[in-house]
Amino acid sequence: MDTKMPEAFAKLYEKRSLRQAAEQLYVSPQGLSRLLQNLEGELDVMLFTRTPRGMEPTAAGEHLYR
């Protein structure tokens, strides 16, 4: 697991916006999306769903954040 993943996941969970979280982490939105895909692949679970209003955590995402 990349050491940036936990911080990236938490920031994305708190902001619910890929762009805003990426700005605060000083990475591109594409880079953050790639980190999220890698984390979801390692855990074999979907953590967020993309909606027109932003990123919504799934039940697994809620559980991981807590």
PDB file of N, CA and C in Angstrom:
ATOM      1  N   MET A   1       0.849  -1.179   0.000  1.00  0.00           N
ATOM      2  CA  MET A   1       0.000   0.000   0.000  1.00  0.00           C
ATOM      3  C   MET A   1       0.893   1.239   0.000  1.00  0.00           C
ATOM      4  N   ASP A   2       0.575   2.160  -0.872  1.00  0.00           N
ATOM      5  CA  ASP A   2       1.273   3.438  -0.963  1.00  0.00           C
ATOM      6  C   ASP A   2       1.023   4.216   0.323  1.00  0.00           C
ATOM      7  N   THR A   3       2.038   4.841   0.868  1.00  0.00           N
ATOM      8  CA  THR A   3       1.884   5.575   2.132  1.00  0.00           C
ATOM      9  C   THR A   3       0.991   6.796   1.993  1.00  0.00           C
ATOM     10  N   LYS A   4       0.747   7.255   0.771  1.00  0.00           N
ATOM     11  CA  LYS A   4      -0.130   8.400   0.550  1.00  0.00           C
ATOM     12  C   LYS A   4      -1.608   8.019   0.576  1.00  0.00           C
ATOM     13  N   MET A   5      -1.898   6.752   0.434  1.00  0.00           N
ATOM     14  CA  MET A   5      -3.286   6.312   0.305  1.00  0.00           C
ATOM     15  C   MET A   5      -4.167   6.673   1.495  1.00  0.00           C
ATOM     16  N   PRO A   6      -3.752   6.403   2.730  1.00  0.00           N
ATOM     17  CA  PRO A   6      -4.649   6.729   3.860  1.00  0.00           C
ATOM     18  C   PRO A   6      -4.975   8.219   3.939  1.00  0.00           C
ATOM     19  N   GLU A   7      -3.972   9.063   3.745  1.00  0.00           N
ATOM     20  CA  GLU A   7      -4.198  10.506   3.789  1.00  0.00           C
ATOM     21  C   GLU A   7      -5.102  10.953   2.636  1.00  0.00           C
ATOM     22  N   ALA A   8      -4.855  10.423   1.453  1.00  0.00           N
ATOM     23  CA  ALA A   8      -5.657  10.767   0.281  1.00  0.00           C
ATOM     24  C   ALA A   8      -7.105  10.328   0.468  1.00  0.00           C
ATOM     25  N   PHE A   9      -7.299   9.115   0.986  1.00  0.00           N
ATOM     26  CA  PHE A   9      -8.652   8.617   1.225  1.00  0.00           C
ATOM     27  C   PHE A   9      -9.380   9.517   2.227  1.00  0.00           C
ATOM     28  N   ALA A  10      -8.728   9.855   3.332  1.00  0.00           N
ATOM     29  CA  ALA A  10      -9.354  10.683   4.364  1.00  0.00           C
ATOM     30  C   ALA A  10      -9.723  12.059   3.822  1.00  0.00           C
ATOM     31  N   LYS A  11      -8.822  12.671   3.060  1.00  0.00           N
ATOM     32  CA  LYS A  11      -9.095  14.000   2.506  1.00  0.00           C
ATOM     33  C   LYS A  11     -10.264  13.941   1.519  1.00  0.00           C
ATOM     34  N   LEU A  12     -10.290  12.918   0.699  1.00  0.00           N
ATOM     35  CA  LEU A  12     -11.381  12.752  -0.264  1.00  0.00           C
ATOM     36  C   LEU A  12     -12.702  12.513   0.470  1.00  0.00           C
ATOM     37  N   TYR A  13     -12.665  11.736   1.518  1.00  0.00           N
ATOM     38  CA  TYR A  13     -13.866  11.481   2.312  1.00  0.00           C
ATOM     39  C   TYR A  13     -14.388  12.788   2.914  1.00  0.00           C
ATOM     40  N   GLU A  14     -13.492  13.597   3.446  1.00  0.00           N
ATOM     41  CA  GLU A  14     -13.891  14.835   4.106  1.00  0.00           C
ATOM     42  C   GLU A  14     -14.386  15.882   3.112  1.00  0.00           C
ATOM     43  N   LYS A  15     -13.742  16.004   1.978  1.00  0.00           N
ATOM     44  CA  LYS A  15     -14.088  17.028   0.993  1.00  0.00           C
ATOM     45  C   LYS A  15     -15.212  16.595   0.055  1.00  0.00           C
ATOM     46  N   ARG A  16     -15.327  15.299  -0.188  1.00  0.00           N
ATOM     47  CA  ARG A  16     -16.330  14.756  -1.114  1.00  0.00           C
ATOM     48  C   ARG A  16     -16.172  15.330  -2.525  1.00  0.00           C
ATOM     49  N   SER A  17     -14.981  15.848  -2.807  1.00  0.00           N
ATOM     50  CA  SER A  17     -14.692  16.434  -4.111  1.00  0.00           C
ATOM     51  C   SER A  17     -13.279  16.039  -4.511  1.00  0.00           C
ATOM     52  N   LEU A  18     -13.159  15.393  -5.645  1.00  0.00           N
ATOM     53  CA  LEU A  18     -11.851  14.967  -6.138  1.00  0.00           C
ATOM     54  C   LEU A  18     -10.948  16.176  -6.364  1.00  0.00           C
ATOM     55  N   ARG A  19     -11.484  17.216  -6.981  1.00  0.00           N
ATOM     56  CA  ARG A  19     -10.689  18.405  -7.289  1.00  0.00           C
ATOM     57  C   ARG A  19     -10.218  19.109  -6.022  1.00  0.00           C
ATOM     58  N   GLN A  20     -11.107  19.320  -5.068  1.00  0.00           N
ATOM     59  CA  GLN A  20     -10.742  20.010  -3.832  1.00  0.00           C
ATOM     60  C   GLN A  20      -9.743  19.202  -3.010  1.00  0.00           C
ATOM     61  N   ALA A  21      -9.964  17.905  -2.921  1.00  0.00           N
ATOM     62  CA  ALA A  21      -9.031  17.057  -2.180  1.00  0.00           C
ATOM     63  C   ALA A  21      -7.657  17.059  -2.847  1.00  0.00           C
ATOM     64  N   ALA A  22      -7.640  16.979  -4.172  1.00  0.00           N
ATOM     65  CA  ALA A  22      -6.373  16.981  -4.910  1.00  0.00           C
ATOM     66  C   ALA A  22      -5.617  18.283  -4.675  1.00  0.00           C
ATOM     67  N   GLU A  23      -6.323  19.406  -4.684  1.00  0.00           N
ATOM     68  CA  GLU A  23      -5.678  20.698  -4.438  1.00  0.00           C
ATOM     69  C   GLU A  23      -5.020  20.727  -3.067  1.00  0.00           C
ATOM     70  N   GLN A  24      -5.701  20.238  -2.057  1.00  0.00           N
ATOM     71  CA  GLN A  24      -5.155  20.266  -0.704  1.00  0.00           C
ATOM     72  C   GLN A  24      -4.005  19.284  -0.517  1.00  0.00           C
ATOM     73  N   LEU A  25      -3.986  18.241  -1.334  1.00  0.00           N
ATOM     74  CA  LEU A  25      -2.909  17.239  -1.252  1.00  0.00           C
ATOM     75  C   LEU A  25      -1.754  17.563  -2.206  1.00  0.00           C
ATOM     76  N   TYR A  26      -1.909  18.626  -2.995  1.00  0.00           N
ATOM     77  CA  TYR A  26      -0.899  19.041  -3.977  1.00  0.00           C
ATOM     78  C   TYR A  26      -0.609  17.951  -5.000  1.00  0.00           C
ATOM     79  N   VAL A  27      -1.681  17.316  -5.480  1.00  0.00           N
ATOM     80  CA  VAL A  27      -1.579  16.334  -6.564  1.00  0.00           C
ATOM     81  C   VAL A  27      -2.632  16.689  -7.603  1.00  0.00           C
ATOM     82  N   SER A  28      -2.509  16.124  -8.774  1.00  0.00           N
ATOM     83  CA  SER A  28      -3.525  16.359  -9.802  1.00  0.00           C
ATOM     84  C   SER A  28      -4.759  15.514  -9.488  1.00  0.00           C
ATOM     85  N   PRO A  29      -5.925  15.941  -9.960  1.00  0.00           N
ATOM     86  CA  PRO A  29      -7.124  15.115  -9.775  1.00  0.00           C
ATOM     87  C   PRO A  29      -6.941  13.721 -10.383  1.00  0.00           C
ATOM     88  N   GLN A  30      -6.234  13.646 -11.508  1.00  0.00           N
ATOM     89  CA  GLN A  30      -5.979  12.348 -12.142  1.00  0.00           C
ATOM     90  C   GLN A  30      -5.099  11.473 -11.246  1.00  0.00           C
ATOM     91  N   GLY A  31      -4.110  12.079 -10.617  1.00  0.00           N
ATOM     92  CA  GLY A  31      -3.241  11.324  -9.700  1.00  0.00           C
ATOM     93  C   GLY A  31      -4.000  10.815  -8.491  1.00  0.00           C
ATOM     94  N   LEU A  32      -4.888  11.647  -7.959  1.00  0.00           N
ATOM     95  CA  LEU A  32      -5.697  11.229  -6.812  1.00  0.00           C
ATOM     96  C   LEU A  32      -6.659  10.125  -7.220  1.00  0.00           C
ATOM     97  N   SER A  33      -7.234  10.248  -8.391  1.00  0.00           N
ATOM     98  CA  SER A  33      -8.135   9.207  -8.895  1.00  0.00           C
ATOM     99  C   SER A  33      -7.387   7.882  -9.035  1.00  0.00           C
ATOM    100  N   ARG A  34      -6.166   7.941  -9.508  1.00  0.00           N
ATOM    101  CA  ARG A  34      -5.342   6.731  -9.655  1.00  0.00           C
ATOM    102  C   ARG A  34      -5.032   6.100  -8.285  1.00  0.00           C
ATOM    103  N   LEU A  35      -4.714   6.950  -7.297  1.00  0.00           N
ATOM    104  CA  LEU A  35      -4.476   6.442  -5.941  1.00  0.00           C
ATOM    105  C   LEU A  35      -5.723   5.738  -5.403  1.00  0.00           C
ATOM    106  N   LEU A  36      -6.878   6.351  -5.630  1.00  0.00           N
ATOM    107  CA  LEU A  36      -8.132   5.757  -5.168  1.00  0.00           C
ATOM    108  C   LEU A  36      -8.386   4.423  -5.856  1.00  0.00           C
ATOM    109  N   GLN A  37      -8.160   4.364  -7.149  1.00  0.00           N
ATOM    110  CA  GLN A  37      -8.348   3.109  -7.884  1.00  0.00           C
ATOM    111  C   GLN A  37      -7.415   2.025  -7.354  1.00  0.00           C
ATOM    112  N   ASN A  38      -6.183   2.395  -7.056  1.00  0.00           N
ATOM    113  CA  ASN A  38      -5.227   1.424  -6.505  1.00  0.00           C
ATOM    114  C   ASN A  38      -5.680   0.920  -5.132  1.00  0.00           C
ATOM    115  N   LEU A  39      -6.140   1.837  -4.286  1.00  0.00           N
ATOM    116  CA  LEU A  39      -6.619   1.444  -2.959  1.00  0.00           C
ATOM    117  C   LEU A  39      -7.827   0.527  -3.074  1.00  0.00           C
ATOM    118  N   GLU A  40      -8.783   0.897  -3.926  1.00  0.00           N
ATOM    119  CA  GLU A  40      -9.958   0.055  -4.116  1.00  0.00           C
ATOM    120  C   GLU A  40      -9.570  -1.320  -4.670  1.00  0.00           C
ATOM    121  N   GLY A  41      -8.574  -1.354  -5.523  1.00  0.00           N
ATOM    122  CA  GLY A  41      -8.098  -2.627  -6.063  1.00  0.00           C
ATOM    123  C   GLY A  41      -7.462  -3.495  -4.995  1.00  0.00           C
ATOM    124  N   GLU A  42      -6.643  -2.883  -4.139  1.00  0.00           N
ATOM    125  CA  GLU A  42      -5.998  -3.644  -3.064  1.00  0.00           C
ATOM    126  C   GLU A  42      -7.013  -4.184  -2.065  1.00  0.00           C
ATOM    127  N   LEU A  43      -8.029  -3.379  -1.770  1.00  0.00           N
ATOM    128  CA  LEU A  43      -9.048  -3.798  -0.804  1.00  0.00           C
ATOM    129  C   LEU A  43     -10.149  -4.625  -1.450  1.00  0.00           C
ATOM    130  N   ASP A  44     -10.200  -4.623  -2.768  1.00  0.00           N
ATOM    131  CA  ASP A  44     -11.216  -5.335  -3.543  1.00  0.00           C
ATOM    132  C   ASP A  44     -12.630  -4.904  -3.135  1.00  0.00           C
ATOM    133  N   VAL A  45     -12.792  -3.575  -3.001  1.00  0.00           N
ATOM    134  CA  VAL A  45     -14.087  -3.018  -2.638  1.00  0.00           C
ATOM    135  C   VAL A  45     -14.166  -1.588  -3.192  1.00  0.00           C
ATOM    136  N   MET A  46     -15.348  -1.171  -3.576  1.00  0.00           N
ATOM    137  CA  MET A  46     -15.552   0.187  -4.042  1.00  0.00           C
ATOM    138  C   MET A  46     -15.781   1.097  -2.838  1.00  0.00           C
ATOM    139  N   LEU A  47     -15.013   2.185  -2.731  1.00  0.00           N
ATOM    140  CA  LEU A  47     -15.093   3.063  -1.571  1.00  0.00           C
ATOM    141  C   LEU A  47     -15.940   4.311  -1.809  1.00  0.00           C
ATOM    142  N   PHE A  48     -16.040   4.738  -3.058  1.00  0.00           N
ATOM    143  CA  PHE A  48     -16.813   5.922  -3.413  1.00  0.00           C
ATOM    144  C   PHE A  48     -17.595   5.672  -4.690  1.00  0.00           C
ATOM    145  N   THR A  49     -18.709   6.360  -4.806  1.00  0.00           N
ATOM    146  CA  THR A  49     -19.412   6.415  -6.086  1.00  0.00           C
ATOM    147  C   THR A  49     -19.348   7.860  -6.551  1.00  0.00           C
ATOM    148  N   ARG A  50     -19.174   8.035  -7.837  1.00  0.00           N
ATOM    149  CA  ARG A  50     -19.115   9.381  -8.413  1.00  0.00           C
ATOM    150  C   ARG A  50     -20.529   9.811  -8.778  1.00  0.00           C
ATOM    151  N   THR A  51     -20.911  10.981  -8.307  1.00  0.00           N
ATOM    152  CA  THR A  51     -22.224  11.532  -8.613  1.00  0.00           C
ATOM    153  C   THR A  51     -22.032  12.937  -9.188  1.00  0.00           C
ATOM    154  N   PRO A  52     -23.069  13.524  -9.767  1.00  0.00           N
ATOM    155  CA  PRO A  52     -22.949  14.905 -10.254  1.00  0.00           C
ATOM    156  C   PRO A  52     -22.609  15.895  -9.140  1.00  0.00           C
ATOM    157  N   ARG A  53     -22.909  15.543  -7.916  1.00  0.00           N
ATOM    158  CA  ARG A  53     -22.635  16.423  -6.775  1.00  0.00           C
ATOM    159  C   ARG A  53     -21.292  16.146  -6.118  1.00  0.00           C
ATOM    160  N   GLY A  54     -20.548  15.164  -6.589  1.00  0.00           N
ATOM    161  CA  GLY A  54     -19.245  14.856  -6.013  1.00  0.00           C
ATOM    162  C   GLY A  54     -19.098  13.376  -5.704  1.00  0.00           C
ATOM    163  N   MET A  55     -18.197  13.087  -4.817  1.00  0.00           N
ATOM    164  CA  MET A  55     -17.896  11.706  -4.438  1.00  0.00           C
ATOM    165  C   MET A  55     -18.711  11.349  -3.192  1.00  0.00           C
ATOM    166  N   GLU A  56     -19.458  10.274  -3.286  1.00  0.00           N
ATOM    167  CA  GLU A  56     -20.244   9.798  -2.149  1.00  0.00           C
ATOM    168  C   GLU A  56     -19.645   8.488  -1.656  1.00  0.00           C
ATOM    169  N   PRO A  57     -19.310   8.396  -0.369  1.00  0.00           N
ATOM    170  CA  PRO A  57     -18.735   7.155   0.139  1.00  0.00           C
ATOM    171  C   PRO A  57     -19.757   6.023   0.152  1.00  0.00           C
ATOM    172  N   THR A  58     -19.298   4.845  -0.152  1.00  0.00           N
ATOM    173  CA  THR A  58     -20.136   3.655  -0.043  1.00  0.00           C
ATOM    174  C   THR A  58     -20.127   3.219   1.419  1.00  0.00           C
ATOM    175  N   ALA A  59     -20.865   2.178   1.736  1.00  0.00           N
ATOM    176  CA  ALA A  59     -20.863   1.652   3.105  1.00  0.00           C
ATOM    177  C   ALA A  59     -19.440   1.228   3.494  1.00  0.00           C
ATOM    178  N   ALA A  60     -18.706   0.648   2.558  1.00  0.00           N
ATOM    179  CA  ALA A  60     -17.313   0.239   2.831  1.00  0.00           C
ATOM    180  C   ALA A  60     -16.443   1.464   3.080  1.00  0.00           C
ATOM    181  N   GLY A  61     -16.677   2.536   2.331  1.00  0.00           N
ATOM    182  CA  GLY A  61     -15.927   3.777   2.535  1.00  0.00           C
ATOM    183  C   GLY A  61     -16.212   4.382   3.893  1.00  0.00           C
ATOM    184  N   GLU A  62     -17.478   4.362   4.287  1.00  0.00           N
ATOM    185  CA  GLU A  62     -17.862   4.863   5.628  1.00  0.00           C
ATOM    186  C   GLU A  62     -17.149   4.045   6.711  1.00  0.00           C
ATOM    187  N   HIS A  63     -17.168   2.730   6.546  1.00  0.00           N
ATOM    188  CA  HIS A  63     -16.547   1.849   7.531  1.00  0.00           C
ATOM    189  C   HIS A  63     -15.042   2.082   7.628  1.00  0.00           C
ATOM    190  N   LEU A  64     -14.386   2.222   6.487  1.00  0.00           N
ATOM    191  CA  LEU A  64     -12.942   2.435   6.482  1.00  0.00           C
ATOM    192  C   LEU A  64     -12.571   3.753   7.126  1.00  0.00           C
ATOM    193  N   TYR A  65     -13.371   4.779   6.921  1.00  0.00           N
ATOM    194  CA  TYR A  65     -13.058   6.095   7.516  1.00  0.00           C
ATOM    195  C   TYR A  65     -13.160   6.067   9.033  1.00  0.00           C
ATOM    196  N   ARG A  66     -14.097   5.318   9.535  1.00  0.00           N
ATOM    197  CA  ARG A  66     -14.317   5.275  10.993  1.00  0.00           C
ATOM    198  C   ARG A  66     -13.276   4.402  11.594  1.00  0.00           C
TER     199      ARG A  66
END
